[in-house]
Amino acid sequence: MRAARLALASLLVLVGISAIPAGIALVADPSGRGLGMAPEMLGGGPFSDFLVPGLVLLGVHGLGGLIAAGLVFAGSRLTAWLGLLAGSALLVWMLVQLGVIGHTHWLQAVYVGVGLAELGLGLTLLRAGHLAARIARWIAGVSCALAGIAAVAGGVEFLLYPMGSPLQADLDVSVLHATPFPDFFVPGLLLAGVVGGCHVAAAIALVLRPRVGARLGVVAGGAMAVWILAEMALLGTHDGIELVFLALGWLTLAVSYLAGRSGQPASAEPAEPR
């Protein structure tokens, strides 16, 4: 547990010291041009400039992260909850960022990974095994339900419009030229039946049969990650939505694995010879 505590504190420091300069820069210049950005990038969000995002970055992820790191280093009883809170906050921040401004830098994927690691370390450090399992199952259930609904809806859309959906004007069969598929029918079957079906089954099982649901969640998260990676490789795309679902896949896999591991009775250690 000491190693997990040290790893969590190190990640909090890493995020904190990288967030503070960026947050100060955005507060000082809300246009974001000092960091190579522009207000036009926020067209899909509720803000007209980067002032509020800068304040959140500075206060929550920067100063808040360093305060949390200090508490973790000091051995606070809140360590596990700080990991859960920091990991969740960072994941929400990154997923909203990817959804609003899209994929602009490879570091976005790194910070998604850091958020997942903080969340996992928080669950690992949560000594109350049954409570840790319940939290992990809840997170896994929500992520499975969200991903399952999205995958089934996307797959059905492909099945209804195999030559390209009118709802996505920039997506037609021409993007499949480097793939083995002539249209979107088979990808639609795979997306709805395999990826979506696994997630929906896992979400239901996590409620009715938690251990079975945890195993299905690992499969579902892996299926989503493989699907997105294959899509990015075959289509040559790497937009924000793809990274959001890639992160969701890894999150589902990680918390489902932890849900299956947490709360299990520890194996008895052999007694030392007298």
C-alpha atoms as a PDB file:
ATOM      1  CA  MET A   1       0.000   0.000   0.000  1.00  0.00           C
ATOM      2  CA  ARG A   2       2.938   2.339   0.627  1.00  0.00           C
ATOM      3  CA  ALA A   3       3.946   2.043  -3.032  1.00  0.00           C
ATOM      4  CA  ALA A   4       0.389   2.833  -4.157  1.00  0.00           C
ATOM      5  CA  ARG A   5       0.289   5.867  -1.851  1.00  0.00           C
ATOM      6  CA  LEU A   6       3.615   7.136  -3.213  1.00  0.00           C
ATOM      7  CA  ALA A   7       2.481   6.581  -6.799  1.00  0.00           C
ATOM      8  CA  LEU A   8      -0.771   8.482  -6.187  1.00  0.00           C
ATOM      9  CA  ALA A   9       1.042  11.404  -4.551  1.00  0.00           C
ATOM     10  CA  SER A  10       3.524  11.546  -7.437  1.00  0.00           C
ATOM     11  CA  LEU A  11       0.723  11.670 -10.013  1.00  0.00           C
ATOM     12  CA  LEU A  12      -1.033  14.426  -8.067  1.00  0.00           C
ATOM     13  CA  VAL A  13       2.184  16.454  -8.002  1.00  0.00           C
ATOM     14  CA  LEU A  14       2.706  15.868 -11.728  1.00  0.00           C
ATOM     15  CA  VAL A  15      -0.770  17.105 -12.586  1.00  0.00           C
ATOM     16  CA  GLY A  16      -0.537  20.001 -10.134  1.00  0.00           C
ATOM     17  CA  ILE A  17       2.767  21.432 -11.337  1.00  0.00           C
ATOM     18  CA  SER A  18       1.688  21.149 -14.976  1.00  0.00           C
ATOM     19  CA  ALA A  19      -1.774  22.639 -14.405  1.00  0.00           C
ATOM     20  CA  ILE A  20      -0.682  25.741 -12.474  1.00  0.00           C
ATOM     21  CA  PRO A  21       1.378  27.438 -15.237  1.00  0.00           C
ATOM     22  CA  ALA A  22      -1.256  26.629 -17.865  1.00  0.00           C
ATOM     23  CA  GLY A  23      -4.049  27.903 -15.602  1.00  0.00           C
ATOM     24  CA  ILE A  24      -2.183  31.137 -14.861  1.00  0.00           C
ATOM     25  CA  ALA A  25      -1.544  31.662 -18.582  1.00  0.00           C
ATOM     26  CA  LEU A  26      -5.242  31.220 -19.416  1.00  0.00           C
ATOM     27  CA  VAL A  27      -6.370  33.548 -16.608  1.00  0.00           C
ATOM     28  CA  ALA A  28      -3.820  36.181 -17.655  1.00  0.00           C
ATOM     29  CA  ASP A  29      -4.791  35.885 -21.318  1.00  0.00           C
ATOM     30  CA  PRO A  30      -8.307  34.385 -21.635  1.00  0.00           C
ATOM     31  CA  SER A  31      -7.982  34.299 -25.429  1.00  0.00           C
ATOM     32  CA  GLY A  32      -5.646  31.330 -24.991  1.00  0.00           C
ATOM     33  CA  ARG A  33      -3.366  32.558 -27.765  1.00  0.00           C
ATOM     34  CA  GLY A  34      -0.351  32.415 -25.487  1.00  0.00           C
ATOM     35  CA  LEU A  35      -0.788  28.645 -25.400  1.00  0.00           C
ATOM     36  CA  GLY A  36      -1.470  28.311 -29.106  1.00  0.00           C
ATOM     37  CA  MET A  37      -5.264  28.287 -28.768  1.00  0.00           C
ATOM     38  CA  ALA A  38      -8.085  30.607 -29.813  1.00  0.00           C
ATOM     39  CA  PRO A  39     -11.597  31.386 -28.498  1.00  0.00           C
ATOM     40  CA  GLU A  40     -13.040  29.916 -31.712  1.00  0.00           C
ATOM     41  CA  MET A  41     -12.018  26.477 -30.418  1.00  0.00           C
ATOM     42  CA  LEU A  42     -14.728  26.808 -27.752  1.00  0.00           C
ATOM     43  CA  GLY A  43     -17.517  26.981 -30.318  1.00  0.00           C
ATOM     44  CA  GLY A  44     -19.004  23.734 -29.016  1.00  0.00           C
ATOM     45  CA  GLY A  45     -18.940  24.765 -25.349  1.00  0.00           C
ATOM     46  CA  PRO A  46     -20.631  27.200 -22.936  1.00  0.00           C
ATOM     47  CA  PHE A  47     -17.661  29.610 -22.629  1.00  0.00           C
ATOM     48  CA  SER A  48     -16.712  32.510 -24.885  1.00  0.00           C
ATOM     49  CA  ASP A  49     -13.076  32.492 -23.733  1.00  0.00           C
ATOM     50  CA  PHE A  50     -10.705  30.460 -21.538  1.00  0.00           C
ATOM     51  CA  LEU A  51     -11.078  32.445 -18.280  1.00  0.00           C
ATOM     52  CA  VAL A  52     -13.361  29.976 -16.476  1.00  0.00           C
ATOM     53  CA  PRO A  53     -11.495  26.888 -17.773  1.00  0.00           C
ATOM     54  CA  GLY A  54      -8.267  28.577 -16.663  1.00  0.00           C
ATOM     55  CA  LEU A  55      -9.630  29.178 -13.161  1.00  0.00           C
ATOM     56  CA  VAL A  56     -10.752  25.536 -12.925  1.00  0.00           C
ATOM     57  CA  LEU A  57      -7.385  24.326 -14.197  1.00  0.00           C
ATOM     58  CA  LEU A  58      -5.496  26.547 -11.756  1.00  0.00           C
ATOM     59  CA  GLY A  59      -7.691  26.050  -8.691  1.00  0.00           C
ATOM     60  CA  VAL A  60      -8.935  22.471  -8.952  1.00  0.00           C
ATOM     61  CA  HIS A  61      -6.237  20.570 -10.817  1.00  0.00           C
ATOM     62  CA  GLY A  62      -3.292  22.813  -9.934  1.00  0.00           C
ATOM     63  CA  LEU A  63      -3.539  24.083  -6.364  1.00  0.00           C
ATOM     64  CA  GLY A  64      -6.086  21.444  -5.406  1.00  0.00           C
ATOM     65  CA  GLY A  65      -3.866  18.684  -6.772  1.00  0.00           C
ATOM     66  CA  LEU A  66      -0.824  19.900  -4.812  1.00  0.00           C
ATOM     67  CA  ILE A  67      -2.860  20.176  -1.599  1.00  0.00           C
ATOM     68  CA  ALA A  68      -4.154  16.639  -2.161  1.00  0.00           C
ATOM     69  CA  ALA A  69      -0.593  15.433  -2.811  1.00  0.00           C
ATOM     70  CA  GLY A  70       0.543  16.961   0.483  1.00  0.00           C
ATOM     71  CA  LEU A  71      -2.254  15.189   2.362  1.00  0.00           C
ATOM     72  CA  VAL A  72      -1.400  11.880   0.694  1.00  0.00           C
ATOM     73  CA  PHE A  73       2.311  12.270   1.523  1.00  0.00           C
ATOM     74  CA  ALA A  74       1.314  13.049   5.132  1.00  0.00           C
ATOM     75  CA  GLY A  75      -0.606   9.765   5.354  1.00  0.00           C
ATOM     76  CA  SER A  76      -4.094  11.273   5.565  1.00  0.00           C
ATOM     77  CA  ARG A  77      -6.996   8.892   6.141  1.00  0.00           C
ATOM     78  CA  LEU A  78      -8.630  10.556   3.152  1.00  0.00           C
ATOM     79  CA  THR A  79      -5.928   9.300   0.786  1.00  0.00           C
ATOM     80  CA  ALA A  80      -8.127   6.788  -1.034  1.00  0.00           C
ATOM     81  CA  TRP A  81     -10.970   9.284  -1.427  1.00  0.00           C
ATOM     82  CA  LEU A  82      -8.558  11.949  -2.654  1.00  0.00           C
ATOM     83  CA  GLY A  83      -7.404   9.511  -5.345  1.00  0.00           C
ATOM     84  CA  LEU A  84     -10.985   8.770  -6.362  1.00  0.00           C
ATOM     85  CA  LEU A  85     -11.898  12.461  -6.417  1.00  0.00           C
ATOM     86  CA  ALA A  86      -8.760  13.588  -8.274  1.00  0.00           C
ATOM     87  CA  GLY A  87      -8.997  10.800 -10.838  1.00  0.00           C
ATOM     88  CA  SER A  88     -12.684  11.439 -11.489  1.00  0.00           C
ATOM     89  CA  ALA A  89     -12.139  15.210 -11.756  1.00  0.00           C
ATOM     90  CA  LEU A  90      -9.255  14.781 -14.199  1.00  0.00           C
ATOM     91  CA  LEU A  91     -11.197  12.313 -16.353  1.00  0.00           C
ATOM     92  CA  VAL A  92     -14.240  14.600 -16.480  1.00  0.00           C
ATOM     93  CA  TRP A  93     -11.972  17.553 -17.343  1.00  0.00           C
ATOM     94  CA  MET A  94     -10.250  15.679 -20.159  1.00  0.00           C
ATOM     95  CA  LEU A  95     -13.405  14.122 -21.600  1.00  0.00           C
ATOM     96  CA  VAL A  96     -15.180  17.510 -21.646  1.00  0.00           C
ATOM     97  CA  GLN A  97     -12.087  19.068 -23.212  1.00  0.00           C
ATOM     98  CA  LEU A  98     -11.952  16.391 -25.916  1.00  0.00           C
ATOM     99  CA  GLY A  99     -15.658  16.734 -26.547  1.00  0.00           C
ATOM    100  CA  VAL A 100     -15.532  20.546 -26.867  1.00  0.00           C
ATOM    101  CA  ILE A 101     -12.221  21.358 -28.576  1.00  0.00           C
ATOM    102  CA  GLY A 102     -11.329  17.904 -29.900  1.00  0.00           C
ATOM    103  CA  HIS A 103      -7.956  16.192 -30.010  1.00  0.00           C
ATOM    104  CA  THR A 104      -5.215  18.816 -30.260  1.00  0.00           C
ATOM    105  CA  HIS A 105      -2.173  17.257 -28.544  1.00  0.00           C
ATOM    106  CA  TRP A 106      -0.848  13.809 -27.621  1.00  0.00           C
ATOM    107  CA  LEU A 107      -0.633  14.890 -23.975  1.00  0.00           C
ATOM    108  CA  GLN A 108      -4.432  14.702 -23.799  1.00  0.00           C
ATOM    109  CA  ALA A 109      -4.226  10.918 -24.040  1.00  0.00           C
ATOM    110  CA  VAL A 110      -1.492  10.912 -21.369  1.00  0.00           C
ATOM    111  CA  TYR A 111      -3.670  12.846 -18.932  1.00  0.00           C
ATOM    112  CA  VAL A 112      -6.605  10.523 -19.569  1.00  0.00           C
ATOM    113  CA  GLY A 113      -4.273   7.698 -18.589  1.00  0.00           C
ATOM    114  CA  VAL A 114      -3.171   9.603 -15.471  1.00  0.00           C
ATOM    115  CA  GLY A 115      -6.808  10.111 -14.464  1.00  0.00           C
ATOM    116  CA  LEU A 116      -7.488   6.389 -14.859  1.00  0.00           C
ATOM    117  CA  ALA A 117      -4.378   5.593 -12.806  1.00  0.00           C
ATOM    118  CA  GLU A 118      -5.432   7.954  -9.990  1.00  0.00           C
ATOM    119  CA  LEU A 119      -8.890   6.405  -9.957  1.00  0.00           C
ATOM    120  CA  GLY A 120      -7.445   2.895  -9.851  1.00  0.00           C
ATOM    121  CA  LEU A 121      -4.995   3.772  -7.075  1.00  0.00           C
ATOM    122  CA  GLY A 122      -7.797   5.339  -5.063  1.00  0.00           C
ATOM    123  CA  LEU A 123      -9.835   2.139  -5.307  1.00  0.00           C
ATOM    124  CA  THR A 124      -6.769   0.075  -4.438  1.00  0.00           C
ATOM    125  CA  LEU A 125      -6.101   2.174  -1.331  1.00  0.00           C
ATOM    126  CA  LEU A 126      -9.720   2.001  -0.177  1.00  0.00           C
ATOM    127  CA  ARG A 127      -9.177  -0.557   2.567  1.00  0.00           C
ATOM    128  CA  ALA A 128     -12.885  -1.260   3.137  1.00  0.00           C
ATOM    129  CA  GLY A 129     -12.996  -4.005   0.507  1.00  0.00           C
ATOM    130  CA  HIS A 130     -16.762  -4.292   0.177  1.00  0.00           C
ATOM    131  CA  LEU A 131     -17.131  -0.523  -0.108  1.00  0.00           C
ATOM    132  CA  ALA A 132     -14.383  -0.405  -2.736  1.00  0.00           C
ATOM    133  CA  ALA A 133     -16.148  -3.159  -4.671  1.00  0.00           C
ATOM    134  CA  ARG A 134     -19.473  -1.330  -4.537  1.00  0.00           C
ATOM    135  CA  ILE A 135     -17.928   1.928  -5.771  1.00  0.00           C
ATOM    136  CA  ALA A 136     -16.070   0.119  -8.560  1.00  0.00           C
ATOM    137  CA  ARG A 137     -19.256  -1.732  -9.572  1.00  0.00           C
ATOM    138  CA  TRP A 138     -21.211   1.518  -9.618  1.00  0.00           C
ATOM    139  CA  ILE A 139     -18.633   3.228 -11.850  1.00  0.00           C
ATOM    140  CA  ALA A 140     -18.395   0.149 -14.077  1.00  0.00           C
ATOM    141  CA  GLY A 141     -22.182  -0.094 -14.340  1.00  0.00           C
ATOM    142  CA  VAL A 142     -22.593   3.542 -15.348  1.00  0.00           C
ATOM    143  CA  SER A 143     -19.766   3.401 -17.902  1.00  0.00           C
ATOM    144  CA  CYS A 144     -21.105   0.124 -19.351  1.00  0.00           C
ATOM    145  CA  ALA A 145     -24.619   1.546 -19.631  1.00  0.00           C
ATOM    146  CA  LEU A 146     -23.458   4.765 -21.317  1.00  0.00           C
ATOM    147  CA  ALA A 147     -21.106   2.995 -23.723  1.00  0.00           C
ATOM    148  CA  GLY A 148     -23.677   0.276 -24.440  1.00  0.00           C
ATOM    149  CA  ILE A 149     -26.422   2.739 -25.331  1.00  0.00           C
ATOM    150  CA  ALA A 150     -24.053   4.715 -27.575  1.00  0.00           C
ATOM    151  CA  ALA A 151     -22.714   1.577 -29.306  1.00  0.00           C
ATOM    152  CA  VAL A 152     -26.146   0.052 -29.917  1.00  0.00           C
ATOM    153  CA  ALA A 153     -27.499   3.368 -31.229  1.00  0.00           C
ATOM    154  CA  GLY A 154     -24.478   3.829 -33.507  1.00  0.00           C
ATOM    155  CA  GLY A 155     -24.691   0.250 -34.765  1.00  0.00           C
ATOM    156  CA  VAL A 156     -28.413   0.501 -35.502  1.00  0.00           C
ATOM    157  CA  GLU A 157     -27.774   3.737 -37.373  1.00  0.00           C
ATOM    158  CA  PHE A 158     -25.224   1.938 -39.581  1.00  0.00           C
ATOM    159  CA  LEU A 159     -27.655  -0.942 -40.154  1.00  0.00           C
ATOM    160  CA  LEU A 160     -30.416   1.445 -41.216  1.00  0.00           C
ATOM    161  CA  TYR A 161     -28.103   3.524 -43.425  1.00  0.00           C
ATOM    162  CA  PRO A 162     -25.321   1.181 -44.632  1.00  0.00           C
ATOM    163  CA  MET A 163     -24.218   3.634 -47.313  1.00  0.00           C
ATOM    164  CA  GLY A 164     -23.874   6.522 -44.893  1.00  0.00           C
ATOM    165  CA  SER A 165     -26.198   8.159 -42.401  1.00  0.00           C
ATOM    166  CA  PRO A 166     -27.891  11.486 -43.198  1.00  0.00           C
ATOM    167  CA  LEU A 167     -27.275  12.328 -39.538  1.00  0.00           C
ATOM    168  CA  GLN A 168     -23.512  12.337 -40.191  1.00  0.00           C
ATOM    169  CA  ALA A 169     -22.927  14.161 -43.462  1.00  0.00           C
ATOM    170  CA  ASP A 170     -19.144  13.718 -43.305  1.00  0.00           C
ATOM    171  CA  LEU A 171     -19.386   9.935 -42.918  1.00  0.00           C
ATOM    172  CA  ASP A 172     -20.035   7.969 -46.093  1.00  0.00           C
ATOM    173  CA  VAL A 173     -18.747   4.731 -47.612  1.00  0.00           C
ATOM    174  CA  SER A 174     -15.758   6.524 -49.144  1.00  0.00           C
ATOM    175  CA  VAL A 175     -14.042   6.420 -45.721  1.00  0.00           C
ATOM    176  CA  LEU A 176     -14.077   2.613 -45.926  1.00  0.00           C
ATOM    177  CA  HIS A 177     -11.827   2.437 -49.009  1.00  0.00           C
ATOM    178  CA  ALA A 178      -8.878   1.053 -47.006  1.00  0.00           C
ATOM    179  CA  THR A 179     -11.003  -1.495 -45.103  1.00  0.00           C
ATOM    180  CA  PRO A 180     -12.418  -4.899 -46.098  1.00  0.00           C
ATOM    181  CA  PHE A 181     -15.976  -3.582 -45.865  1.00  0.00           C
ATOM    182  CA  PRO A 182     -17.956  -2.267 -48.880  1.00  0.00           C
ATOM    183  CA  ASP A 183     -20.466  -0.486 -46.613  1.00  0.00           C
ATOM    184  CA  PHE A 184     -21.356   0.022 -42.946  1.00  0.00           C
ATOM    185  CA  PHE A 185     -23.639  -3.005 -42.552  1.00  0.00           C
ATOM    186  CA  VAL A 186     -21.095  -5.440 -41.072  1.00  0.00           C
ATOM    187  CA  PRO A 187     -19.446  -2.754 -38.899  1.00  0.00           C
ATOM    188  CA  GLY A 188     -22.944  -1.875 -37.704  1.00  0.00           C
ATOM    189  CA  LEU A 189     -23.604  -5.497 -36.734  1.00  0.00           C
ATOM    190  CA  LEU A 190     -20.298  -5.669 -34.851  1.00  0.00           C
ATOM    191  CA  LEU A 191     -20.818  -2.323 -33.120  1.00  0.00           C
ATOM    192  CA  ALA A 192     -24.389  -3.009 -32.002  1.00  0.00           C
ATOM    193  CA  GLY A 193     -24.157  -6.758 -31.408  1.00  0.00           C
ATOM    194  CA  VAL A 194     -20.663  -7.291 -30.030  1.00  0.00           C
ATOM    195  CA  VAL A 195     -19.523  -3.968 -28.541  1.00  0.00           C
ATOM    196  CA  GLY A 196     -22.963  -2.712 -27.522  1.00  0.00           C
ATOM    197  CA  GLY A 197     -24.262  -6.148 -26.532  1.00  0.00           C
ATOM    198  CA  CYS A 198     -21.283  -6.811 -24.250  1.00  0.00           C
ATOM    199  CA  HIS A 199     -21.712  -3.480 -22.498  1.00  0.00           C
ATOM    200  CA  VAL A 200     -25.479  -3.851 -22.007  1.00  0.00           C
ATOM    201  CA  ALA A 201     -25.058  -7.416 -20.707  1.00  0.00           C
ATOM    202  CA  ALA A 202     -22.308  -6.261 -18.333  1.00  0.00           C
ATOM    203  CA  ALA A 203     -24.413  -3.354 -17.025  1.00  0.00           C
ATOM    204  CA  ILE A 204     -27.329  -5.688 -16.274  1.00  0.00           C
ATOM    205  CA  ALA A 205     -25.123  -8.396 -14.761  1.00  0.00           C
ATOM    206  CA  LEU A 206     -23.344  -5.879 -12.504  1.00  0.00           C
ATOM    207  CA  VAL A 207     -26.722  -5.333 -10.850  1.00  0.00           C
ATOM    208  CA  LEU A 208     -27.930  -8.948 -10.762  1.00  0.00           C
ATOM    209  CA  ARG A 209     -24.710 -10.994 -10.653  1.00  0.00           C
ATOM    210  CA  PRO A 210     -21.852  -8.642  -9.697  1.00  0.00           C
ATOM    211  CA  ARG A 211     -18.978 -11.086 -10.150  1.00  0.00           C
ATOM    212  CA  VAL A 212     -20.224 -12.183 -13.569  1.00  0.00           C
ATOM    213  CA  GLY A 213     -20.851  -8.535 -14.436  1.00  0.00           C
ATOM    214  CA  ALA A 214     -17.290  -7.617 -13.456  1.00  0.00           C
ATOM    215  CA  ARG A 215     -15.898 -10.250 -15.836  1.00  0.00           C
ATOM    216  CA  LEU A 216     -18.225  -9.107 -18.623  1.00  0.00           C
ATOM    217  CA  GLY A 217     -17.196  -5.504 -17.929  1.00  0.00           C
ATOM    218  CA  VAL A 218     -13.544  -6.385 -18.525  1.00  0.00           C
ATOM    219  CA  VAL A 219     -14.515  -8.000 -21.854  1.00  0.00           C
ATOM    220  CA  ALA A 220     -16.745  -5.056 -22.786  1.00  0.00           C
ATOM    221  CA  GLY A 221     -14.099  -2.454 -21.985  1.00  0.00           C
ATOM    222  CA  GLY A 222     -11.521  -4.393 -23.972  1.00  0.00           C
ATOM    223  CA  ALA A 223     -13.937  -4.708 -26.897  1.00  0.00           C
ATOM    224  CA  MET A 224     -14.528  -0.953 -26.921  1.00  0.00           C
ATOM    225  CA  ALA A 225     -10.800  -0.200 -26.797  1.00  0.00           C
ATOM    226  CA  VAL A 226     -10.076  -2.650 -29.635  1.00  0.00           C
ATOM    227  CA  TRP A 227     -12.960  -1.227 -31.690  1.00  0.00           C
ATOM    228  CA  ILE A 228     -11.753   2.364 -31.358  1.00  0.00           C
ATOM    229  CA  LEU A 229      -8.104   1.482 -31.993  1.00  0.00           C
ATOM    230  CA  ALA A 230      -9.106  -0.499 -35.102  1.00  0.00           C
ATOM    231  CA  GLU A 231     -11.293   2.388 -36.284  1.00  0.00           C
ATOM    232  CA  MET A 232      -8.462   4.876 -35.828  1.00  0.00           C
ATOM    233  CA  ALA A 233      -6.004   2.597 -37.639  1.00  0.00           C
ATOM    234  CA  LEU A 234      -8.280   1.665 -40.565  1.00  0.00           C
ATOM    235  CA  LEU A 235      -9.893   5.061 -41.109  1.00  0.00           C
ATOM    236  CA  GLY A 236      -6.857   7.154 -40.171  1.00  0.00           C
ATOM    237  CA  THR A 237      -8.908   9.298 -37.800  1.00  0.00           C
ATOM    238  CA  HIS A 238      -8.141  10.523 -34.283  1.00  0.00           C
ATOM    239  CA  ASP A 239     -10.813  13.013 -33.257  1.00  0.00           C
ATOM    240  CA  GLY A 240     -11.954  13.903 -29.759  1.00  0.00           C
ATOM    241  CA  ILE A 241     -14.986  11.600 -29.692  1.00  0.00           C
ATOM    242  CA  GLU A 242     -12.812   8.599 -30.517  1.00  0.00           C
ATOM    243  CA  LEU A 243     -10.474   9.432 -27.649  1.00  0.00           C
ATOM    244  CA  VAL A 244     -13.452   9.880 -25.333  1.00  0.00           C
ATOM    245  CA  PHE A 245     -14.722   6.377 -26.121  1.00  0.00           C
ATOM    246  CA  LEU A 246     -11.208   4.940 -25.987  1.00  0.00           C
ATOM    247  CA  ALA A 247     -10.852   6.378 -22.476  1.00  0.00           C
ATOM    248  CA  LEU A 248     -14.307   5.060 -21.589  1.00  0.00           C
ATOM    249  CA  GLY A 249     -13.255   1.600 -22.744  1.00  0.00           C
ATOM    250  CA  TRP A 250     -10.108   1.616 -20.610  1.00  0.00           C
ATOM    251  CA  LEU A 251     -12.089   3.006 -17.655  1.00  0.00           C
ATOM    252  CA  THR A 252     -14.672   0.224 -17.975  1.00  0.00           C
ATOM    253  CA  LEU A 253     -11.957  -2.417 -18.190  1.00  0.00           C
ATOM    254  CA  ALA A 254     -10.029  -1.042 -15.202  1.00  0.00           C
ATOM    255  CA  VAL A 255     -12.929  -0.520 -12.792  1.00  0.00           C
ATOM    256  CA  SER A 256     -14.548  -3.830 -13.790  1.00  0.00           C
ATOM    257  CA  TYR A 257     -11.308  -5.612 -12.982  1.00  0.00           C
ATOM    258  CA  LEU A 258     -11.111  -3.784  -9.646  1.00  0.00           C
ATOM    259  CA  ALA A 259     -14.780  -4.591  -8.968  1.00  0.00           C
ATOM    260  CA  GLY A 260     -13.978  -8.260  -9.398  1.00  0.00           C
ATOM    261  CA  ARG A 261     -10.886  -8.077  -7.197  1.00  0.00           C
ATOM    262  CA  SER A 262     -12.125  -5.741  -4.452  1.00  0.00           C
ATOM    263  CA  GLY A 263     -14.016  -7.218  -1.575  1.00  0.00           C
ATOM    264  CA  GLN A 264     -12.668 -10.725  -2.086  1.00  0.00           C
ATOM    265  CA  PRO A 265     -11.329 -12.279   1.072  1.00  0.00           C
ATOM    266  CA  ALA A 266      -7.576 -12.153   1.255  1.00  0.00           C
ATOM    267  CA  SER A 267      -5.864 -15.508   1.016  1.00  0.00           C
ATOM    268  CA  ALA A 268      -4.611 -16.738   4.334  1.00  0.00           C
ATOM    269  CA  GLU A 269      -0.856 -16.483   4.731  1.00  0.00           C
ATOM    270  CA  PRO A 270       0.928 -19.569   6.019  1.00  0.00           C
ATOM    271  CA  ALA A 271       1.875 -19.353   9.671  1.00  0.00           C
ATOM    272  CA  GLU A 272       5.554 -18.908  10.398  1.00  0.00           C
ATOM    273  CA  PRO A 273       7.211 -21.972  11.919  1.00  0.00           C
ATOM    274  CA  ARG A 274       7.802 -21.680  15.623  1.00  0.00           C
END
